[in-house]
Amino acid sequence: MASPRELRRRIKSISGTAQITRAMQMVAASKMRKAQEAAIAAAPFARRIYRMQRSATTRTIDFQHPLLEVREVPRDAPQTVLALVLRTSHHWAVHTGQIVYATKHLTQGGLDELWMKTML
């Protein structure tokens, strides 16, 4: 049987671990709340992007582009769409480069070409 001193040490250790666990849960809850708020805040931006895309593709009468052609896709073909919207600014240059680099590596072998349109 364990001595009283050993039992006190174990109890103290367990309570310390519980305190750390509670702190980690609070940090995780805070991060989750911030992520949810960011997602809700981005909804108007997503709606605006969707409206811009719909406007650009439905109002132009004689515009033809290979990416907008309607074509039959075989059932076994992968159905993947990847859109990057990047900011071109000297403050974001490093992040933009990292995103493009990561995208090229993620799509390696999956996409024939990587189309990139830079928007200001």
PDB file of N, CA and C in Angstrom:
ATOM      1  N   MET A   1       0.828  -1.169   0.000  1.00  0.00           N
ATOM      2  CA  MET A   1       0.000   0.000   0.000  1.00  0.00           C
ATOM      3  C   MET A   1       0.882   1.246   0.000  1.00  0.00           C
ATOM      4  N   ALA A   2       0.411   2.305  -0.693  1.00  0.00           N
ATOM      5  CA  ALA A   2       1.185   3.530  -0.804  1.00  0.00           C
ATOM      6  C   ALA A   2       1.135   4.321   0.488  1.00  0.00           C
ATOM      7  N   SER A   3       2.222   5.014   0.739  1.00  0.00           N
ATOM      8  CA  SER A   3       2.292   5.823   1.959  1.00  0.00           C
ATOM      9  C   SER A   3       1.442   7.087   1.793  1.00  0.00           C
ATOM     10  N   PRO A   4       1.061   7.708   2.896  1.00  0.00           N
ATOM     11  CA  PRO A   4       0.271   8.960   2.811  1.00  0.00           C
ATOM     12  C   PRO A   4       0.990  10.056   2.016  1.00  0.00           C
ATOM     13  N   ARG A   5       2.281  10.106   2.141  1.00  0.00           N
ATOM     14  CA  ARG A   5       3.056  11.108   1.398  1.00  0.00           C
ATOM     15  C   ARG A   5       2.933  10.866  -0.103  1.00  0.00           C
ATOM     16  N   GLU A   6       3.056   9.604  -0.516  1.00  0.00           N
ATOM     17  CA  GLU A   6       2.939   9.240  -1.928  1.00  0.00           C
ATOM     18  C   GLU A   6       1.536   9.540  -2.450  1.00  0.00           C
ATOM     19  N   LEU A   7       0.512   9.252  -1.657  1.00  0.00           N
ATOM     20  CA  LEU A   7      -0.875   9.534  -2.050  1.00  0.00           C
ATOM     21  C   LEU A   7      -1.091  11.036  -2.244  1.00  0.00           C
ATOM     22  N   ARG A   8      -0.548  11.855  -1.316  1.00  0.00           N
ATOM     23  CA  ARG A   8      -0.692  13.309  -1.452  1.00  0.00           C
ATOM     24  C   ARG A   8      -0.010  13.797  -2.730  1.00  0.00           C
ATOM     25  N   ARG A   9       1.150  13.239  -3.027  1.00  0.00           N
ATOM     26  CA  ARG A   9       1.883  13.626  -4.237  1.00  0.00           C
ATOM     27  C   ARG A   9       1.097  13.264  -5.499  1.00  0.00           C
ATOM     28  N   ARG A  10       0.482  12.081  -5.503  1.00  0.00           N
ATOM     29  CA  ARG A  10      -0.321  11.653  -6.654  1.00  0.00           C
ATOM     30  C   ARG A  10      -1.562  12.528  -6.825  1.00  0.00           C
ATOM     31  N   ILE A  11      -2.222  12.839  -5.713  1.00  0.00           N
ATOM     32  CA  ILE A  11      -3.407  13.698  -5.758  1.00  0.00           C
ATOM     33  C   ILE A  11      -3.032  15.070  -6.303  1.00  0.00           C
ATOM     34  N   LYS A  12      -1.916  15.617  -5.833  1.00  0.00           N
ATOM     35  CA  LYS A  12      -1.454  16.927  -6.303  1.00  0.00           C
ATOM     36  C   LYS A  12      -1.130  16.873  -7.796  1.00  0.00           C
ATOM     37  N   SER A  13      -0.509  15.796  -8.239  1.00  0.00           N
ATOM     38  CA  SER A  13      -0.165  15.634  -9.644  1.00  0.00           C
ATOM     39  C   SER A  13      -1.420  15.560 -10.514  1.00  0.00           C
ATOM     40  N   ILE A  14      -2.398  14.796 -10.045  1.00  0.00           N
ATOM     41  CA  ILE A  14      -3.647  14.640 -10.806  1.00  0.00           C
ATOM     42  C   ILE A  14      -4.412  15.958 -10.857  1.00  0.00           C
ATOM     43  N   SER A  15      -4.446  16.685  -9.763  1.00  0.00           N
ATOM     44  CA  SER A  15      -5.160  17.972  -9.768  1.00  0.00           C
ATOM     45  C   SER A  15      -4.448  18.978 -10.663  1.00  0.00           C
ATOM     46  N   GLY A  16      -3.130  18.918 -10.707  1.00  0.00           N
ATOM     47  CA  GLY A  16      -2.374  19.788 -11.628  1.00  0.00           C
ATOM     48  C   GLY A  16      -2.674  19.452 -13.079  1.00  0.00           C
ATOM     49  N   THR A  17      -2.752  18.161 -13.382  1.00  0.00           N
ATOM     50  CA  THR A  17      -3.099  17.730 -14.735  1.00  0.00           C
ATOM     51  C   THR A  17      -4.505  18.167 -15.105  1.00  0.00           C
ATOM     52  N   ALA A  18      -5.421  18.070 -14.170  1.00  0.00           N
ATOM     53  CA  ALA A  18      -6.807  18.499 -14.420  1.00  0.00           C
ATOM     54  C   ALA A  18      -6.856  19.997 -14.687  1.00  0.00           C
ATOM     55  N   GLN A  19      -6.063  20.764 -13.965  1.00  0.00           N
ATOM     56  CA  GLN A  19      -6.031  22.211 -14.160  1.00  0.00           C
ATOM     57  C   GLN A  19      -5.492  22.543 -15.564  1.00  0.00           C
ATOM     58  N   ILE A  20      -4.472  21.865 -15.967  1.00  0.00           N
ATOM     59  CA  ILE A  20      -3.915  22.065 -17.309  1.00  0.00           C
ATOM     60  C   ILE A  20      -4.940  21.692 -18.366  1.00  0.00           C
ATOM     61  N   THR A  21      -5.650  20.593 -18.156  1.00  0.00           N
ATOM     62  CA  THR A  21      -6.672  20.154 -19.110  1.00  0.00           C
ATOM     63  C   THR A  21      -7.780  21.194 -19.234  1.00  0.00           C
ATOM     64  N   ARG A  22      -8.231  21.754 -18.103  1.00  0.00           N
ATOM     65  CA  ARG A  22      -9.268  22.794 -18.138  1.00  0.00           C
ATOM     66  C   ARG A  22      -8.774  24.017 -18.904  1.00  0.00           C
ATOM     67  N   ALA A  23      -7.530  24.397 -18.681  1.00  0.00           N
ATOM     68  CA  ALA A  23      -6.968  25.558 -19.387  1.00  0.00           C
ATOM     69  C   ALA A  23      -6.911  25.298 -20.892  1.00  0.00           C
ATOM     70  N   MET A  24      -6.514  24.091 -21.268  1.00  0.00           N
ATOM     71  CA  MET A  24      -6.452  23.738 -22.693  1.00  0.00           C
ATOM     72  C   MET A  24      -7.851  23.749 -23.308  1.00  0.00           C
ATOM     73  N   GLN A  25      -8.857  23.281 -22.562  1.00  0.00           N
ATOM     74  CA  GLN A  25     -10.235  23.306 -23.058  1.00  0.00           C
ATOM     75  C   GLN A  25     -10.713  24.735 -23.253  1.00  0.00           C
ATOM     76  N   MET A  26     -10.350  25.631 -22.352  1.00  0.00           N
ATOM     77  CA  MET A  26     -10.748  27.033 -22.487  1.00  0.00           C
ATOM     78  C   MET A  26     -10.088  27.668 -23.708  1.00  0.00           C
ATOM     79  N   VAL A  27      -8.823  27.358 -23.949  1.00  0.00           N
ATOM     80  CA  VAL A  27      -8.127  27.883 -25.126  1.00  0.00           C
ATOM     81  C   VAL A  27      -8.767  27.338 -26.400  1.00  0.00           C
ATOM     82  N   ALA A  28      -9.079  26.049 -26.416  1.00  0.00           N
ATOM     83  CA  ALA A  28      -9.706  25.445 -27.590  1.00  0.00           C
ATOM     84  C   ALA A  28     -11.084  26.059 -27.844  1.00  0.00           C
ATOM     85  N   ALA A  29     -11.856  26.303 -26.776  1.00  0.00           N
ATOM     86  CA  ALA A  29     -13.176  26.923 -26.939  1.00  0.00           C
ATOM     87  C   ALA A  29     -13.043  28.337 -27.491  1.00  0.00           C
ATOM     88  N   SER A  30     -12.047  29.059 -27.036  1.00  0.00           N
ATOM     89  CA  SER A  30     -11.816  30.416 -27.530  1.00  0.00           C
ATOM     90  C   SER A  30     -11.446  30.398 -29.015  1.00  0.00           C
ATOM     91  N   LYS A  31     -10.577  29.479 -29.394  1.00  0.00           N
ATOM     92  CA  LYS A  31     -10.191  29.366 -30.806  1.00  0.00           C
ATOM     93  C   LYS A  31     -11.380  28.963 -31.666  1.00  0.00           C
ATOM     94  N   MET A  32     -12.206  28.068 -31.171  1.00  0.00           N
ATOM     95  CA  MET A  32     -13.393  27.643 -31.917  1.00  0.00           C
ATOM     96  C   MET A  32     -14.350  28.809 -32.099  1.00  0.00           C
ATOM     97  N   ARG A  33     -14.548  29.581 -31.053  1.00  0.00           N
ATOM     98  CA  ARG A  33     -15.442  30.738 -31.126  1.00  0.00           C
ATOM     99  C   ARG A  33     -14.922  31.748 -32.156  1.00  0.00           C
ATOM    100  N   LYS A  34     -13.604  32.007 -32.150  1.00  0.00           N
ATOM    101  CA  LYS A  34     -13.019  32.940 -33.107  1.00  0.00           C
ATOM    102  C   LYS A  34     -13.165  32.418 -34.535  1.00  0.00           C
ATOM    103  N   ALA A  35     -12.977  31.118 -34.733  1.00  0.00           N
ATOM    104  CA  ALA A  35     -13.129  30.529 -36.065  1.00  0.00           C
ATOM    105  C   ALA A  35     -14.566  30.628 -36.549  1.00  0.00           C
ATOM    106  N   GLN A  36     -15.515  30.403 -35.646  1.00  0.00           N
ATOM    107  CA  GLN A  36     -16.931  30.518 -36.019  1.00  0.00           C
ATOM    108  C   GLN A  36     -17.284  31.959 -36.367  1.00  0.00           C
ATOM    109  N   GLU A  37     -16.774  32.906 -35.588  1.00  0.00           N
ATOM    110  CA  GLU A  37     -17.029  34.317 -35.878  1.00  0.00           C
ATOM    111  C   GLU A  37     -16.425  34.716 -37.220  1.00  0.00           C
ATOM    112  N   ALA A  38     -15.232  34.206 -37.533  1.00  0.00           N
ATOM    113  CA  ALA A  38     -14.592  34.507 -38.817  1.00  0.00           C
ATOM    114  C   ALA A  38     -15.395  33.928 -39.975  1.00  0.00           C
ATOM    115  N   ALA A  39     -15.919  32.716 -39.795  1.00  0.00           N
ATOM    116  CA  ALA A  39     -16.725  32.095 -40.843  1.00  0.00           C
ATOM    117  C   ALA A  39     -18.013  32.878 -41.070  1.00  0.00           C
ATOM    118  N   ILE A  40     -18.635  33.329 -39.997  1.00  0.00           N
ATOM    119  CA  ILE A  40     -19.859  34.115 -40.128  1.00  0.00           C
ATOM    120  C   ILE A  40     -19.556  35.466 -40.775  1.00  0.00           C
ATOM    121  N   ALA A  41     -18.432  36.069 -40.408  1.00  0.00           N
ATOM    122  CA  ALA A  41     -18.050  37.357 -40.982  1.00  0.00           C
ATOM    123  C   ALA A  41     -17.710  37.236 -42.465  1.00  0.00           C
ATOM    124  N   ALA A  42     -17.249  36.056 -42.911  1.00  0.00           N
ATOM    125  CA  ALA A  42     -16.875  35.858 -44.310  1.00  0.00           C
ATOM    126  C   ALA A  42     -18.068  35.565 -45.204  1.00  0.00           C
ATOM    127  N   ALA A  43     -19.223  35.291 -44.632  1.00  0.00           N
ATOM    128  CA  ALA A  43     -20.403  34.941 -45.430  1.00  0.00           C
ATOM    129  C   ALA A  43     -20.800  36.030 -46.413  1.00  0.00           C
ATOM    130  N   PRO A  44     -20.846  37.316 -46.033  1.00  0.00           N
ATOM    131  CA  PRO A  44     -21.187  38.343 -47.021  1.00  0.00           C
ATOM    132  C   PRO A  44     -20.175  38.411 -48.168  1.00  0.00           C
ATOM    133  N   PHE A  45     -18.892  38.205 -47.848  1.00  0.00           N
ATOM    134  CA  PHE A  45     -17.865  38.196 -48.877  1.00  0.00           C
ATOM    135  C   PHE A  45     -18.094  37.043 -49.850  1.00  0.00           C
ATOM    136  N   ALA A  46     -18.412  35.874 -49.335  1.00  0.00           N
ATOM    137  CA  ALA A  46     -18.668  34.714 -50.191  1.00  0.00           C
ATOM    138  C   ALA A  46     -19.886  34.952 -51.078  1.00  0.00           C
ATOM    139  N   ARG A  47     -20.935  35.552 -50.502  1.00  0.00           N
ATOM    140  CA  ARG A  47     -22.123  35.862 -51.307  1.00  0.00           C
ATOM    141  C   ARG A  47     -21.788  36.852 -52.411  1.00  0.00           C
ATOM    142  N   ARG A  48     -20.979  37.849 -52.088  1.00  0.00           N
ATOM    143  CA  ARG A  48     -20.593  38.858 -53.090  1.00  0.00           C
ATOM    144  C   ARG A  48     -19.766  38.210 -54.205  1.00  0.00           C
ATOM    145  N   ILE A  49     -18.829  37.370 -53.866  1.00  0.00           N
ATOM    146  CA  ILE A  49     -18.022  36.666 -54.868  1.00  0.00           C
ATOM    147  C   ILE A  49     -18.922  35.825 -55.762  1.00  0.00           C
ATOM    148  N   TYR A  50     -19.895  35.136 -55.169  1.00  0.00           N
ATOM    149  CA  TYR A  50     -20.823  34.316 -55.948  1.00  0.00           C
ATOM    150  C   TYR A  50     -21.624  35.185 -56.919  1.00  0.00           C
ATOM    151  N   ARG A  51     -22.130  36.329 -56.422  1.00  0.00           N
ATOM    152  CA  ARG A  51     -22.903  37.221 -57.297  1.00  0.00           C
ATOM    153  C   ARG A  51     -22.043  37.767 -58.433  1.00  0.00           C
ATOM    154  N   MET A  52     -20.788  38.106 -58.127  1.00  0.00           N
ATOM    155  CA  MET A  52     -19.882  38.608 -59.172  1.00  0.00           C
ATOM    156  C   MET A  52     -19.649  37.533 -60.234  1.00  0.00           C
ATOM    157  N   GLN A  53     -19.438  36.311 -59.795  1.00  0.00           N
ATOM    158  CA  GLN A  53     -19.204  35.206 -60.731  1.00  0.00           C
ATOM    159  C   GLN A  53     -20.433  34.975 -61.593  1.00  0.00           C
ATOM    160  N   ARG A  54     -21.609  34.960 -60.974  1.00  0.00           N
ATOM    161  CA  ARG A  54     -22.853  34.754 -61.725  1.00  0.00           C
ATOM    162  C   ARG A  54     -23.076  35.884 -62.721  1.00  0.00           C
ATOM    163  N   SER A  55     -22.805  37.099 -62.293  1.00  0.00           N
ATOM    164  CA  SER A  55     -22.979  38.248 -63.171  1.00  0.00           C
ATOM    165  C   SER A  55     -22.018  38.172 -64.356  1.00  0.00           C
ATOM    166  N   ALA A  56     -20.790  37.798 -64.094  1.00  0.00           N
ATOM    167  CA  ALA A  56     -19.784  37.730 -65.165  1.00  0.00           C
ATOM    168  C   ALA A  56     -20.103  36.627 -66.166  1.00  0.00           C
ATOM    169  N   THR A  57     -20.680  35.540 -65.720  1.00  0.00           N
ATOM    170  CA  THR A  57     -20.915  34.416 -66.633  1.00  0.00           C
ATOM    171  C   THR A  57     -22.290  34.423 -67.281  1.00  0.00           C
ATOM    172  N   THR A  58     -23.246  35.188 -66.752  1.00  0.00           N
ATOM    173  CA  THR A  58     -24.589  35.158 -67.335  1.00  0.00           C
ATOM    174  C   THR A  58     -24.920  36.391 -68.163  1.00  0.00           C
ATOM    175  N   ARG A  59     -24.318  37.520 -67.917  1.00  0.00           N
ATOM    176  CA  ARG A  59     -24.667  38.742 -68.645  1.00  0.00           C
ATOM    177  C   ARG A  59     -23.923  38.909 -69.954  1.00  0.00           C
ATOM    178  N   THR A  60     -22.760  38.359 -70.089  1.00  0.00           N
ATOM    179  CA  THR A  60     -21.985  38.508 -71.309  1.00  0.00           C
ATOM    180  C   THR A  60     -22.545  37.565 -72.369  1.00  0.00           C
ATOM    181  N   ILE A  61     -22.880  38.125 -73.526  1.00  0.00           N
ATOM    182  CA  ILE A  61     -23.565  37.340 -74.558  1.00  0.00           C
ATOM    183  C   ILE A  61     -22.580  36.582 -75.444  1.00  0.00           C
ATOM    184  N   ASP A  62     -21.612  37.276 -76.009  1.00  0.00           N
ATOM    185  CA  ASP A  62     -20.713  36.649 -76.989  1.00  0.00           C
ATOM    186  C   ASP A  62     -19.366  36.248 -76.400  1.00  0.00           C
ATOM    187  N   PHE A  63     -19.255  36.176 -75.104  1.00  0.00           N
ATOM    188  CA  PHE A  63     -17.989  35.828 -74.477  1.00  0.00           C
ATOM    189  C   PHE A  63     -17.810  34.322 -74.475  1.00  0.00           C
ATOM    190  N   GLN A  64     -16.658  33.871 -74.957  1.00  0.00           N
ATOM    191  CA  GLN A  64     -16.350  32.440 -74.948  1.00  0.00           C
ATOM    192  C   GLN A  64     -14.987  32.235 -74.316  1.00  0.00           C
ATOM    193  N   HIS A  65     -14.928  31.269 -73.465  1.00  0.00           N
ATOM    194  CA  HIS A  65     -13.663  30.929 -72.807  1.00  0.00           C
ATOM    195  C   HIS A  65     -13.656  29.424 -72.581  1.00  0.00           C
ATOM    196  N   PRO A  66     -12.511  28.773 -72.777  1.00  0.00           N
ATOM    197  CA  PRO A  66     -12.458  27.311 -72.625  1.00  0.00           C
ATOM    198  C   PRO A  66     -12.889  26.821 -71.239  1.00  0.00           C
ATOM    199  N   LEU A  67     -12.684  27.613 -70.198  1.00  0.00           N
ATOM    200  CA  LEU A  67     -13.067  27.172 -68.851  1.00  0.00           C
ATOM    201  C   LEU A  67     -14.565  27.276 -68.615  1.00  0.00           C
ATOM    202  N   LEU A  68     -15.279  28.028 -69.460  1.00  0.00           N
ATOM    203  CA  LEU A  68     -16.715  28.195 -69.297  1.00  0.00           C
ATOM    204  C   LEU A  68     -17.519  27.332 -70.264  1.00  0.00           C
ATOM    205  N   GLU A  69     -16.845  26.529 -71.069  1.00  0.00           N
ATOM    206  CA  GLU A  69     -17.557  25.664 -72.010  1.00  0.00           C
ATOM    207  C   GLU A  69     -18.320  24.567 -71.269  1.00  0.00           C
ATOM    208  N   VAL A  70     -19.478  24.233 -71.778  1.00  0.00           N
ATOM    209  CA  VAL A  70     -20.238  23.117 -71.234  1.00  0.00           C
ATOM    210  C   VAL A  70     -19.779  21.872 -71.972  1.00  0.00           C
ATOM    211  N   ARG A  71     -19.307  20.908 -71.250  1.00  0.00           N
ATOM    212  CA  ARG A  71     -18.813  19.681 -71.878  1.00  0.00           C
ATOM    213  C   ARG A  71     -19.168  18.497 -70.995  1.00  0.00           C
ATOM    214  N   GLU A  72     -19.249  17.373 -71.626  1.00  0.00           N
ATOM    215  CA  GLU A  72     -19.588  16.155 -70.893  1.00  0.00           C
ATOM    216  C   GLU A  72     -18.358  15.653 -70.155  1.00  0.00           C
ATOM    217  N   VAL A  73     -18.570  15.282 -68.919  1.00  0.00           N
ATOM    218  CA  VAL A  73     -17.481  14.779 -68.077  1.00  0.00           C
ATOM    219  C   VAL A  73     -17.739  13.308 -67.813  1.00  0.00           C
ATOM    220  N   PRO A  74     -16.743  12.454 -68.076  1.00  0.00           N
ATOM    221  CA  PRO A  74     -16.934  11.033 -67.780  1.00  0.00           C
ATOM    222  C   PRO A  74     -17.201  10.816 -66.290  1.00  0.00           C
ATOM    223  N   ARG A  75     -17.984   9.807 -65.985  1.00  0.00           N
ATOM    224  CA  ARG A  75     -18.350   9.547 -64.585  1.00  0.00           C
ATOM    225  C   ARG A  75     -17.149   9.224 -63.707  1.00  0.00           C
ATOM    226  N   ASP A  76     -16.135   8.600 -64.269  1.00  0.00           N
ATOM    227  CA  ASP A  76     -14.981   8.217 -63.448  1.00  0.00           C
ATOM    228  C   ASP A  76     -13.948   9.340 -63.321  1.00  0.00           C
ATOM    229  N   ALA A  77     -14.184  10.497 -63.955  1.00  0.00           N
ATOM    230  CA  ALA A  77     -13.248  11.615 -63.868  1.00  0.00           C
ATOM    231  C   ALA A  77     -13.373  12.290 -62.501  1.00  0.00           C
ATOM    232  N   PRO A  78     -12.250  12.717 -61.930  1.00  0.00           N
ATOM    233  CA  PRO A  78     -12.327  13.410 -60.640  1.00  0.00           C
ATOM    234  C   PRO A  78     -13.032  14.757 -60.791  1.00  0.00           C
ATOM    235  N   GLN A  79     -13.863  15.110 -59.827  1.00  0.00           N
ATOM    236  CA  GLN A  79     -14.631  16.355 -59.845  1.00  0.00           C
ATOM    237  C   GLN A  79     -14.018  17.322 -58.828  1.00  0.00           C
ATOM    238  N   THR A  80     -12.999  18.046 -59.229  1.00  0.00           N
ATOM    239  CA  THR A  80     -12.304  18.929 -58.306  1.00  0.00           C
ATOM    240  C   THR A  80     -12.230  20.335 -58.866  1.00  0.00           C
ATOM    241  N   VAL A  81     -12.555  21.290 -58.030  1.00  0.00           N
ATOM    242  CA  VAL A  81     -12.427  22.696 -58.388  1.00  0.00           C
ATOM    243  C   VAL A  81     -11.587  23.358 -57.313  1.00  0.00           C
ATOM    244  N   LEU A  82     -10.621  24.142 -57.750  1.00  0.00           N
ATOM    245  CA  LEU A  82      -9.752  24.831 -56.806  1.00  0.00           C
ATOM    246  C   LEU A  82      -9.668  26.289 -57.228  1.00  0.00           C
ATOM    247  N   ALA A  83     -10.044  27.188 -56.356  1.00  0.00           N
ATOM    248  CA  ALA A  83      -9.988  28.628 -56.647  1.00  0.00           C
ATOM    249  C   ALA A  83      -9.148  29.307 -55.581  1.00  0.00           C
ATOM    250  N   LEU A  84      -8.162  30.049 -56.015  1.00  0.00           N
ATOM    251  CA  LEU A  84      -7.327  30.817 -55.099  1.00  0.00           C
ATOM    252  C   LEU A  84      -7.615  32.297 -55.317  1.00  0.00           C
ATOM    253  N   VAL A  85      -7.958  32.990 -54.267  1.00  0.00           N
ATOM    254  CA  VAL A  85      -8.114  34.437 -54.322  1.00  0.00           C
ATOM    255  C   VAL A  85      -7.029  34.999 -53.433  1.00  0.00           C
ATOM    256  N   LEU A  86      -6.058  35.650 -54.063  1.00  0.00           N
ATOM    257  CA  LEU A  86      -4.880  36.097 -53.332  1.00  0.00           C
ATOM    258  C   LEU A  86      -4.743  37.611 -53.394  1.00  0.00           C
ATOM    259  N   ARG A  87      -4.174  38.183 -52.386  1.00  0.00           N
ATOM    260  CA  ARG A  87      -3.947  39.621 -52.316  1.00  0.00           C
ATOM    261  C   ARG A  87      -2.519  39.892 -52.750  1.00  0.00           C
ATOM    262  N   THR A  88      -2.348  40.839 -53.687  1.00  0.00           N
ATOM    263  CA  THR A  88      -1.004  41.211 -54.118  1.00  0.00           C
ATOM    264  C   THR A  88      -0.606  42.494 -53.413  1.00  0.00           C
ATOM    265  N   SER A  89       0.171  42.356 -52.390  1.00  0.00           N
ATOM    266  CA  SER A  89       0.638  43.488 -51.610  1.00  0.00           C
ATOM    267  C   SER A  89       1.968  43.080 -51.000  1.00  0.00           C
ATOM    268  N   HIS A  90       2.844  44.049 -50.813  1.00  0.00           N
ATOM    269  CA  HIS A  90       4.142  43.686 -50.249  1.00  0.00           C
ATOM    270  C   HIS A  90       4.012  43.113 -48.849  1.00  0.00           C
ATOM    271  N   HIS A  91       2.924  43.434 -48.144  1.00  0.00           N
ATOM    272  CA  HIS A  91       2.712  42.862 -46.803  1.00  0.00           C
ATOM    273  C   HIS A  91       2.373  41.377 -46.870  1.00  0.00           C
ATOM    274  N   TRP A  92       1.745  40.956 -47.976  1.00  0.00           N
ATOM    275  CA  TRP A  92       1.261  39.585 -48.095  1.00  0.00           C
ATOM    276  C   TRP A  92       2.099  38.745 -49.041  1.00  0.00           C
ATOM    277  N   ALA A  93       3.200  39.273 -49.536  1.00  0.00           N
ATOM    278  CA  ALA A  93       3.996  38.576 -50.550  1.00  0.00           C
ATOM    279  C   ALA A  93       4.470  37.204 -50.076  1.00  0.00           C
ATOM    280  N   VAL A  94       4.954  37.113 -48.855  1.00  0.00           N
ATOM    281  CA  VAL A  94       5.465  35.835 -48.344  1.00  0.00           C
ATOM    282  C   VAL A  94       4.325  34.821 -48.241  1.00  0.00           C
ATOM    283  N   HIS A  95       3.191  35.246 -47.703  1.00  0.00           N
ATOM    284  CA  HIS A  95       2.055  34.342 -47.544  1.00  0.00           C
ATOM    285  C   HIS A  95       1.523  33.888 -48.905  1.00  0.00           C
ATOM    286  N   THR A  96       1.436  34.822 -49.857  1.00  0.00           N
ATOM    287  CA  THR A  96       0.956  34.484 -51.190  1.00  0.00           C
ATOM    288  C   THR A  96       1.874  33.444 -51.829  1.00  0.00           C
ATOM    289  N   GLY A  97       3.171  33.652 -51.712  1.00  0.00           N
ATOM    290  CA  GLY A  97       4.126  32.689 -52.260  1.00  0.00           C
ATOM    291  C   GLY A  97       3.990  31.325 -51.617  1.00  0.00           C
ATOM    292  N   GLN A  98       3.790  31.306 -50.303  1.00  0.00           N
ATOM    293  CA  GLN A  98       3.623  30.032 -49.601  1.00  0.00           C
ATOM    294  C   GLN A  98       2.346  29.323 -50.035  1.00  0.00           C
ATOM    295  N   ILE A  99       1.276  30.085 -50.228  1.00  0.00           N
ATOM    296  CA  ILE A  99       0.007  29.490 -50.653  1.00  0.00           C
ATOM    297  C   ILE A  99       0.137  28.896 -52.045  1.00  0.00           C
ATOM    298  N   VAL A 100       0.752  29.641 -52.966  1.00  0.00           N
ATOM    299  CA  VAL A 100       0.918  29.140 -54.335  1.00  0.00           C
ATOM    300  C   VAL A 100       1.816  27.903 -54.330  1.00  0.00           C
ATOM    301  N   TYR A 101       2.884  27.940 -53.560  1.00  0.00           N
ATOM    302  CA  TYR A 101       3.802  26.803 -53.469  1.00  0.00           C
ATOM    303  C   TYR A 101       3.072  25.567 -52.934  1.00  0.00           C
ATOM    304  N   ALA A 102       2.307  25.757 -51.855  1.00  0.00           N
ATOM    305  CA  ALA A 102       1.566  24.631 -51.265  1.00  0.00           C
ATOM    306  C   ALA A 102       0.519  24.103 -52.239  1.00  0.00           C
ATOM    307  N   THR A 103      -0.136  25.005 -52.961  1.00  0.00           N
ATOM    308  CA  THR A 103      -1.158  24.588 -53.924  1.00  0.00           C
ATOM    309  C   THR A 103      -0.543  23.762 -55.042  1.00  0.00           C
ATOM    310  N   LYS A 104       0.597  24.192 -55.533  1.00  0.00           N
ATOM    311  CA  LYS A 104       1.260  23.432 -56.598  1.00  0.00           C
ATOM    312  C   LYS A 104       1.614  22.026 -56.120  1.00  0.00           C
ATOM    313  N   HIS A 105       2.054  21.912 -54.874  1.00  0.00           N
ATOM    314  CA  HIS A 105       2.414  20.595 -54.355  1.00  0.00           C
ATOM    315  C   HIS A 105       1.186  19.738 -54.042  1.00  0.00           C
ATOM    316  N   LEU A 106       0.117  20.371 -53.580  1.00  0.00           N
ATOM    317  CA  LEU A 106      -1.113  19.622 -53.306  1.00  0.00           C
ATOM    318  C   LEU A 106      -1.752  19.102 -54.579  1.00  0.00           C
ATOM    319  N   THR A 107      -1.631  19.868 -55.652  1.00  0.00           N
ATOM    320  CA  THR A 107      -2.277  19.492 -56.907  1.00  0.00           C
ATOM    321  C   THR A 107      -1.336  18.727 -57.828  1.00  0.00           C
ATOM    322  N   GLN A 108      -0.172  18.428 -57.381  1.00  0.00           N
ATOM    323  CA  GLN A 108       0.809  17.733 -58.209  1.00  0.00           C
ATOM    324  C   GLN A 108       0.242  16.400 -58.692  1.00  0.00           C
ATOM    325  N   GLY A 109       0.126  16.274 -59.990  1.00  0.00           N
ATOM    326  CA  GLY A 109      -0.409  15.053 -60.562  1.00  0.00           C
ATOM    327  C   GLY A 109      -1.922  15.048 -60.637  1.00  0.00           C
ATOM    328  N   GLY A 110      -2.596  15.968 -59.957  1.00  0.00           N
ATOM    329  CA  GLY A 110      -4.049  15.999 -59.961  1.00  0.00           C
ATOM    330  C   GLY A 110      -4.617  16.963 -60.985  1.00  0.00           C
ATOM    331  N   LEU A 111      -3.920  18.049 -61.239  1.00  0.00           N
ATOM    332  CA  LEU A 111      -4.372  19.041 -62.208  1.00  0.00           C
ATOM    333  C   LEU A 111      -3.337  19.163 -63.323  1.00  0.00           C
ATOM    334  N   ASP A 112      -3.820  19.329 -64.556  1.00  0.00           N
ATOM    335  CA  ASP A 112      -2.905  19.479 -65.680  1.00  0.00           C
ATOM    336  C   ASP A 112      -2.184  20.819 -65.629  1.00  0.00           C
ATOM    337  N   GLU A 113      -2.916  21.873 -65.315  1.00  0.00           N
ATOM    338  CA  GLU A 113      -2.326  23.198 -65.263  1.00  0.00           C
ATOM    339  C   GLU A 113      -2.869  23.941 -64.053  1.00  0.00           C
ATOM    340  N   LEU A 114      -2.086  24.870 -63.563  1.00  0.00           N
ATOM    341  CA  LEU A 114      -2.537  25.720 -62.476  1.00  0.00           C
ATOM    342  C   LEU A 114      -2.709  27.115 -63.036  1.00  0.00           C
ATOM    343  N   TRP A 115      -3.955  27.563 -63.162  1.00  0.00           N
ATOM    344  CA  TRP A 115      -4.267  28.889 -63.673  1.00  0.00           C
ATOM    345  C   TRP A 115      -4.250  29.841 -62.502  1.00  0.00           C
ATOM    346  N   MET A 116      -3.549  30.945 -62.672  1.00  0.00           N
ATOM    347  CA  MET A 116      -3.478  31.907 -61.582  1.00  0.00           C
ATOM    348  C   MET A 116      -3.796  33.294 -62.133  1.00  0.00           C
ATOM    349  N   LYS A 117      -4.797  33.933 -61.556  1.00  0.00           N
ATOM    350  CA  LYS A 117      -5.169  35.295 -61.914  1.00  0.00           C
ATOM    351  C   LYS A 117      -4.903  36.154 -60.702  1.00  0.00           C
ATOM    352  N   THR A 118      -4.068  37.172 -60.868  1.00  0.00           N
ATOM    353  CA  THR A 118      -3.739  38.043 -59.766  1.00  0.00           C
ATOM    354  C   THR A 118      -4.706  39.216 -59.748  1.00  0.00           C
ATOM    355  N   MET A 119      -5.305  39.438 -58.581  1.00  0.00           N
ATOM    356  CA  MET A 119      -6.239  40.543 -58.409  1.00  0.00           C
ATOM    357  C   MET A 119      -5.676  41.520 -57.391  1.00  0.00           C
ATOM    358  N   LEU A 120      -5.842  42.788 -57.644  1.00  0.00           N
ATOM    359  CA  LEU A 120      -5.353  43.807 -56.717  1.00  0.00           C
ATOM    360  C   LEU A 120      -6.351  44.053 -55.620  1.00  0.00           C
TER     361      LEU A 120
END
